[in-house]
Amino acid sequence: MSEALIYKIAGEDEWRAAERAAVYAGSVADRRDGFIHLSTAVQLEETARRHFAGRTDLLLITVATDGLDIRWEPSRGGALFPHLYGVLPLSAVRAVAKYPGPA
């Protein structure tokens, strides 16, 4: 059985700091809202367009949901988005890749 994957778009400097700390506590917006904003593969483009337009320093973080406190909560017109309550342990990260930003 394959593991469920969700995604985080993050600035490269922000993510590299998380790697040095061995944990990701979220972006400024995440900490303000009290959870880490994540997206499904289908939601990525809209998330990038709404929140990261014009940025060229982005990374796409692939996250396995097993063992994480993920809550699916309504946002943007009622669509359910994954929100992580707590920090993201780097052990849950499956891949880190450059993200070109919104098309």
N, C-alpha and C. Protein backbone atom coordinates (compact mmCIF):
# COMPACT_ATOMS: atom_id res chain seq x y z
N MET A 1 0.85 -1.19 0.00
CA MET A 1 0.00 0.00 0.00
C MET A 1 0.89 1.24 0.00
N SER A 2 0.60 2.20 -0.86
CA SER A 2 1.42 3.40 -0.93
C SER A 2 0.99 4.42 0.12
N GLU A 3 1.93 5.24 0.54
CA GLU A 3 1.62 6.23 1.56
C GLU A 3 0.97 7.45 0.92
N ALA A 4 0.13 8.14 1.69
CA ALA A 4 -0.53 9.35 1.20
C ALA A 4 0.46 10.50 1.22
N LEU A 5 0.49 11.26 0.14
CA LEU A 5 1.43 12.38 0.01
C LEU A 5 0.68 13.69 -0.15
N ILE A 6 1.20 14.73 0.51
CA ILE A 6 0.71 16.09 0.35
C ILE A 6 1.94 16.97 0.17
N TYR A 7 1.72 18.27 -0.05
CA TYR A 7 2.83 19.13 -0.47
C TYR A 7 2.84 20.46 0.26
N LYS A 8 4.05 21.00 0.39
CA LYS A 8 4.26 22.33 0.94
C LYS A 8 5.13 23.10 -0.05
N ILE A 9 4.72 24.30 -0.37
CA ILE A 9 5.56 25.21 -1.16
C ILE A 9 6.25 26.12 -0.16
N ALA A 10 7.56 26.21 -0.26
CA ALA A 10 8.32 27.03 0.68
C ALA A 10 9.44 27.74 -0.05
N GLY A 11 9.82 28.89 0.49
CA GLY A 11 10.98 29.59 -0.02
C GLY A 11 12.24 28.79 0.31
N GLU A 12 13.22 28.85 -0.58
CA GLU A 12 14.43 28.05 -0.37
C GLU A 12 15.16 28.41 0.92
N ASP A 13 15.32 29.68 1.23
CA ASP A 13 16.01 30.08 2.46
C ASP A 13 15.26 29.56 3.69
N GLU A 14 13.95 29.66 3.66
CA GLU A 14 13.11 29.20 4.77
C GLU A 14 13.29 27.68 4.96
N TRP A 15 13.29 26.94 3.85
CA TRP A 15 13.43 25.50 3.96
C TRP A 15 14.83 25.08 4.39
N ARG A 16 15.85 25.75 3.88
CA ARG A 16 17.22 25.40 4.27
C ARG A 16 17.42 25.64 5.77
N ALA A 17 16.80 26.67 6.32
CA ALA A 17 16.85 26.91 7.78
C ALA A 17 16.19 25.76 8.53
N ALA A 18 15.09 25.25 7.99
CA ALA A 18 14.41 24.11 8.61
C ALA A 18 15.31 22.87 8.59
N GLU A 19 16.02 22.67 7.50
CA GLU A 19 16.93 21.53 7.42
C GLU A 19 18.03 21.63 8.47
N ARG A 20 18.54 22.84 8.68
CA ARG A 20 19.57 23.03 9.71
C ARG A 20 19.00 22.77 11.10
N ALA A 21 17.74 23.14 11.31
CA ALA A 21 17.09 22.96 12.61
C ALA A 21 16.53 21.54 12.78
N ALA A 22 16.48 20.77 11.70
CA ALA A 22 15.95 19.40 11.68
C ALA A 22 14.44 19.33 11.93
N VAL A 23 13.76 20.46 11.75
CA VAL A 23 12.30 20.51 11.89
C VAL A 23 11.80 21.77 11.20
N TYR A 24 10.60 21.68 10.63
CA TYR A 24 10.00 22.84 9.97
C TYR A 24 8.83 23.31 10.81
N ALA A 25 8.93 24.53 11.32
CA ALA A 25 7.87 25.10 12.17
C ALA A 25 6.86 25.91 11.37
N GLY A 26 7.08 26.04 10.07
CA GLY A 26 6.13 26.77 9.23
C GLY A 26 6.63 28.13 8.83
N SER A 27 5.95 28.69 7.83
CA SER A 27 6.26 30.04 7.36
C SER A 27 5.68 31.06 8.33
N VAL A 28 5.93 32.32 8.07
CA VAL A 28 5.34 33.38 8.89
C VAL A 28 3.82 33.26 8.87
N ALA A 29 3.24 33.03 7.69
CA ALA A 29 1.78 32.88 7.58
C ALA A 29 1.28 31.65 8.33
N ASP A 30 2.03 30.55 8.25
CA ASP A 30 1.65 29.33 8.98
C ASP A 30 1.62 29.60 10.48
N ARG A 31 2.67 30.20 10.98
CA ARG A 31 2.74 30.46 12.43
C ARG A 31 1.64 31.42 12.86
N ARG A 32 1.33 32.40 12.02
CA ARG A 32 0.24 33.33 12.32
C ARG A 32 -1.10 32.60 12.42
N ASP A 33 -1.33 31.65 11.52
CA ASP A 33 -2.60 30.94 11.47
C ASP A 33 -2.69 29.76 12.44
N GLY A 34 -1.57 29.33 13.00
CA GLY A 34 -1.57 28.26 14.00
C GLY A 34 -1.47 26.86 13.42
N PHE A 35 -1.18 26.74 12.14
CA PHE A 35 -0.99 25.44 11.49
C PHE A 35 -0.18 25.64 10.22
N ILE A 36 0.39 24.54 9.71
CA ILE A 36 1.15 24.59 8.47
C ILE A 36 0.20 24.31 7.32
N HIS A 37 0.14 25.26 6.40
CA HIS A 37 -0.70 25.13 5.20
C HIS A 37 -0.05 24.15 4.23
N LEU A 38 -0.81 23.16 3.80
CA LEU A 38 -0.34 22.17 2.83
C LEU A 38 -1.35 22.08 1.70
N SER A 39 -1.00 21.37 0.65
CA SER A 39 -1.89 21.22 -0.50
C SER A 39 -1.81 19.80 -1.03
N THR A 40 -2.86 19.40 -1.72
CA THR A 40 -2.82 18.16 -2.49
C THR A 40 -2.16 18.50 -3.83
N ALA A 41 -1.85 17.49 -4.61
CA ALA A 41 -1.26 17.73 -5.94
C ALA A 41 -2.19 18.57 -6.80
N VAL A 42 -3.47 18.34 -6.71
CA VAL A 42 -4.46 19.08 -7.51
C VAL A 42 -4.53 20.55 -7.09
N GLN A 43 -4.27 20.84 -5.84
CA GLN A 43 -4.38 22.21 -5.31
C GLN A 43 -3.13 23.04 -5.49
N LEU A 44 -2.02 22.44 -5.87
CA LEU A 44 -0.74 23.14 -5.92
C LEU A 44 -0.73 24.38 -6.80
N GLU A 45 -1.23 24.27 -8.01
CA GLU A 45 -1.17 25.40 -8.94
C GLU A 45 -1.93 26.60 -8.41
N GLU A 46 -3.11 26.38 -7.87
CA GLU A 46 -3.89 27.49 -7.33
C GLU A 46 -3.20 28.09 -6.10
N THR A 47 -2.66 27.24 -5.24
CA THR A 47 -1.93 27.72 -4.07
C THR A 47 -0.75 28.58 -4.51
N ALA A 48 0.00 28.12 -5.50
CA ALA A 48 1.16 28.88 -5.99
C ALA A 48 0.71 30.22 -6.58
N ARG A 49 -0.34 30.20 -7.35
CA ARG A 49 -0.84 31.43 -7.99
C ARG A 49 -1.32 32.44 -6.94
N ARG A 50 -2.02 31.97 -5.94
CA ARG A 50 -2.58 32.88 -4.92
C ARG A 50 -1.54 33.42 -3.94
N HIS A 51 -0.56 32.60 -3.61
CA HIS A 51 0.32 32.97 -2.50
C HIS A 51 1.80 33.14 -2.85
N PHE A 52 2.20 32.73 -4.06
CA PHE A 52 3.62 32.77 -4.39
C PHE A 52 3.90 33.38 -5.76
N ALA A 53 2.97 34.11 -6.30
CA ALA A 53 3.14 34.71 -7.63
C ALA A 53 4.40 35.58 -7.68
N GLY A 54 5.17 35.42 -8.75
CA GLY A 54 6.36 36.23 -8.95
C GLY A 54 7.61 35.74 -8.24
N ARG A 55 7.49 34.73 -7.41
CA ARG A 55 8.66 34.23 -6.68
C ARG A 55 9.40 33.19 -7.49
N THR A 56 10.71 33.26 -7.42
CA THR A 56 11.55 32.31 -8.17
C THR A 56 12.41 31.46 -7.25
N ASP A 57 12.22 31.60 -5.96
CA ASP A 57 13.06 30.91 -4.96
C ASP A 57 12.33 29.74 -4.30
N LEU A 58 11.38 29.13 -4.99
CA LEU A 58 10.49 28.17 -4.35
C LEU A 58 10.97 26.73 -4.44
N LEU A 59 10.64 25.97 -3.40
CA LEU A 59 10.86 24.54 -3.36
C LEU A 59 9.52 23.85 -3.14
N LEU A 60 9.40 22.66 -3.67
CA LEU A 60 8.23 21.83 -3.43
C LEU A 60 8.66 20.71 -2.50
N ILE A 61 8.01 20.67 -1.34
CA ILE A 61 8.32 19.68 -0.32
C ILE A 61 7.23 18.61 -0.37
N THR A 62 7.61 17.38 -0.59
CA THR A 62 6.67 16.26 -0.61
C THR A 62 6.66 15.63 0.77
N VAL A 63 5.46 15.51 1.34
CA VAL A 63 5.30 15.08 2.73
C VAL A 63 4.41 13.84 2.81
N ALA A 64 4.84 12.83 3.55
CA ALA A 64 4.02 11.66 3.84
C ALA A 64 3.17 11.97 5.07
N THR A 65 1.90 11.66 5.01
CA THR A 65 0.96 12.04 6.08
C THR A 65 0.97 11.11 7.28
N ASP A 66 1.51 9.92 7.14
CA ASP A 66 1.48 8.94 8.24
C ASP A 66 2.05 9.53 9.53
N GLY A 67 1.27 9.42 10.60
CA GLY A 67 1.72 9.86 11.92
C GLY A 67 1.64 11.36 12.17
N LEU A 68 1.18 12.13 11.20
CA LEU A 68 1.08 13.58 11.37
C LEU A 68 -0.35 13.97 11.75
N ASP A 69 -0.49 15.05 12.49
CA ASP A 69 -1.81 15.56 12.88
C ASP A 69 -2.35 16.44 11.75
N ILE A 70 -2.80 15.77 10.68
CA ILE A 70 -3.35 16.48 9.52
C ILE A 70 -4.86 16.60 9.69
N ARG A 71 -5.35 17.80 9.53
CA ARG A 71 -6.80 18.03 9.56
C ARG A 71 -7.20 18.62 8.22
N TRP A 72 -8.25 18.06 7.65
CA TRP A 72 -8.76 18.53 6.37
C TRP A 72 -9.84 19.56 6.66
N GLU A 73 -9.52 20.82 6.36
CA GLU A 73 -10.41 21.92 6.73
C GLU A 73 -10.79 22.75 5.50
N PRO A 74 -12.01 23.31 5.53
CA PRO A 74 -12.47 24.09 4.37
C PRO A 74 -11.71 25.39 4.21
N SER A 75 -11.52 25.73 2.96
CA SER A 75 -10.87 26.97 2.57
C SER A 75 -11.35 27.28 1.17
N ARG A 76 -10.99 28.42 0.64
CA ARG A 76 -11.29 28.77 -0.76
C ARG A 76 -12.57 28.14 -1.31
N GLY A 77 -13.67 28.69 -0.98
CA GLY A 77 -14.92 28.22 -1.55
C GLY A 77 -15.35 26.85 -1.06
N GLY A 78 -14.86 26.43 0.09
CA GLY A 78 -15.28 25.17 0.66
C GLY A 78 -14.40 23.98 0.37
N ALA A 79 -13.37 24.14 -0.49
CA ALA A 79 -12.46 23.02 -0.76
C ALA A 79 -11.73 22.65 0.52
N LEU A 80 -11.52 21.35 0.72
CA LEU A 80 -10.81 20.88 1.91
C LEU A 80 -9.30 20.87 1.64
N PHE A 81 -8.57 21.53 2.52
CA PHE A 81 -7.11 21.59 2.43
C PHE A 81 -6.51 20.91 3.64
N PRO A 82 -5.36 20.25 3.45
CA PRO A 82 -4.67 19.63 4.59
C PRO A 82 -3.91 20.69 5.39
N HIS A 83 -4.14 20.68 6.68
CA HIS A 83 -3.44 21.57 7.60
C HIS A 83 -2.74 20.71 8.64
N LEU A 84 -1.48 21.00 8.90
CA LEU A 84 -0.70 20.27 9.89
C LEU A 84 -0.65 21.09 11.17
N TYR A 85 -1.14 20.51 12.23
CA TYR A 85 -1.07 21.15 13.55
C TYR A 85 0.16 20.60 14.24
N GLY A 86 1.09 21.49 14.52
CA GLY A 86 2.38 21.09 15.07
C GLY A 86 3.45 21.33 14.03
N VAL A 87 4.66 20.90 14.35
CA VAL A 87 5.78 21.08 13.44
C VAL A 87 5.87 19.91 12.47
N LEU A 88 6.54 20.13 11.37
CA LEU A 88 6.76 19.08 10.38
C LEU A 88 8.12 18.45 10.64
N PRO A 89 8.14 17.20 11.09
CA PRO A 89 9.43 16.53 11.26
C PRO A 89 10.02 16.19 9.90
N LEU A 90 11.30 16.38 9.74
CA LEU A 90 11.92 16.13 8.45
C LEU A 90 11.85 14.65 8.07
N SER A 91 11.61 13.78 9.03
CA SER A 91 11.46 12.35 8.73
C SER A 91 10.22 12.08 7.88
N ALA A 92 9.26 13.01 7.86
CA ALA A 92 8.05 12.86 7.04
C ALA A 92 8.25 13.35 5.61
N VAL A 93 9.37 14.00 5.34
CA VAL A 93 9.64 14.56 4.01
C VAL A 93 10.17 13.47 3.10
N ARG A 94 9.55 13.32 1.94
CA ARG A 94 9.95 12.30 0.97
C ARG A 94 10.77 12.87 -0.17
N ALA A 95 10.61 14.17 -0.46
CA ALA A 95 11.38 14.78 -1.54
C ALA A 95 11.36 16.29 -1.38
N VAL A 96 12.43 16.91 -1.89
CA VAL A 96 12.54 18.38 -1.95
C VAL A 96 13.04 18.68 -3.36
N ALA A 97 12.31 19.52 -4.09
CA ALA A 97 12.69 19.83 -5.46
C ALA A 97 12.39 21.30 -5.76
N LYS A 98 13.11 21.85 -6.71
CA LYS A 98 12.81 23.21 -7.19
C LYS A 98 11.37 23.25 -7.67
N TYR A 99 10.69 24.34 -7.40
CA TYR A 99 9.31 24.52 -7.88
C TYR A 99 9.28 25.78 -8.73
N PRO A 100 8.84 25.69 -9.96
CA PRO A 100 8.90 26.84 -10.85
C PRO A 100 7.90 27.94 -10.54
N GLY A 101 7.00 27.69 -9.63
CA GLY A 101 5.98 28.69 -9.33
C GLY A 101 4.79 28.53 -10.25
N PRO A 102 3.82 29.42 -10.13
CA PRO A 102 2.60 29.29 -10.93
C PRO A 102 2.86 29.47 -12.41
N ALA A 103 2.09 28.74 -13.18
CA ALA A 103 2.21 28.84 -14.64
C ALA A 103 1.60 30.12 -15.15
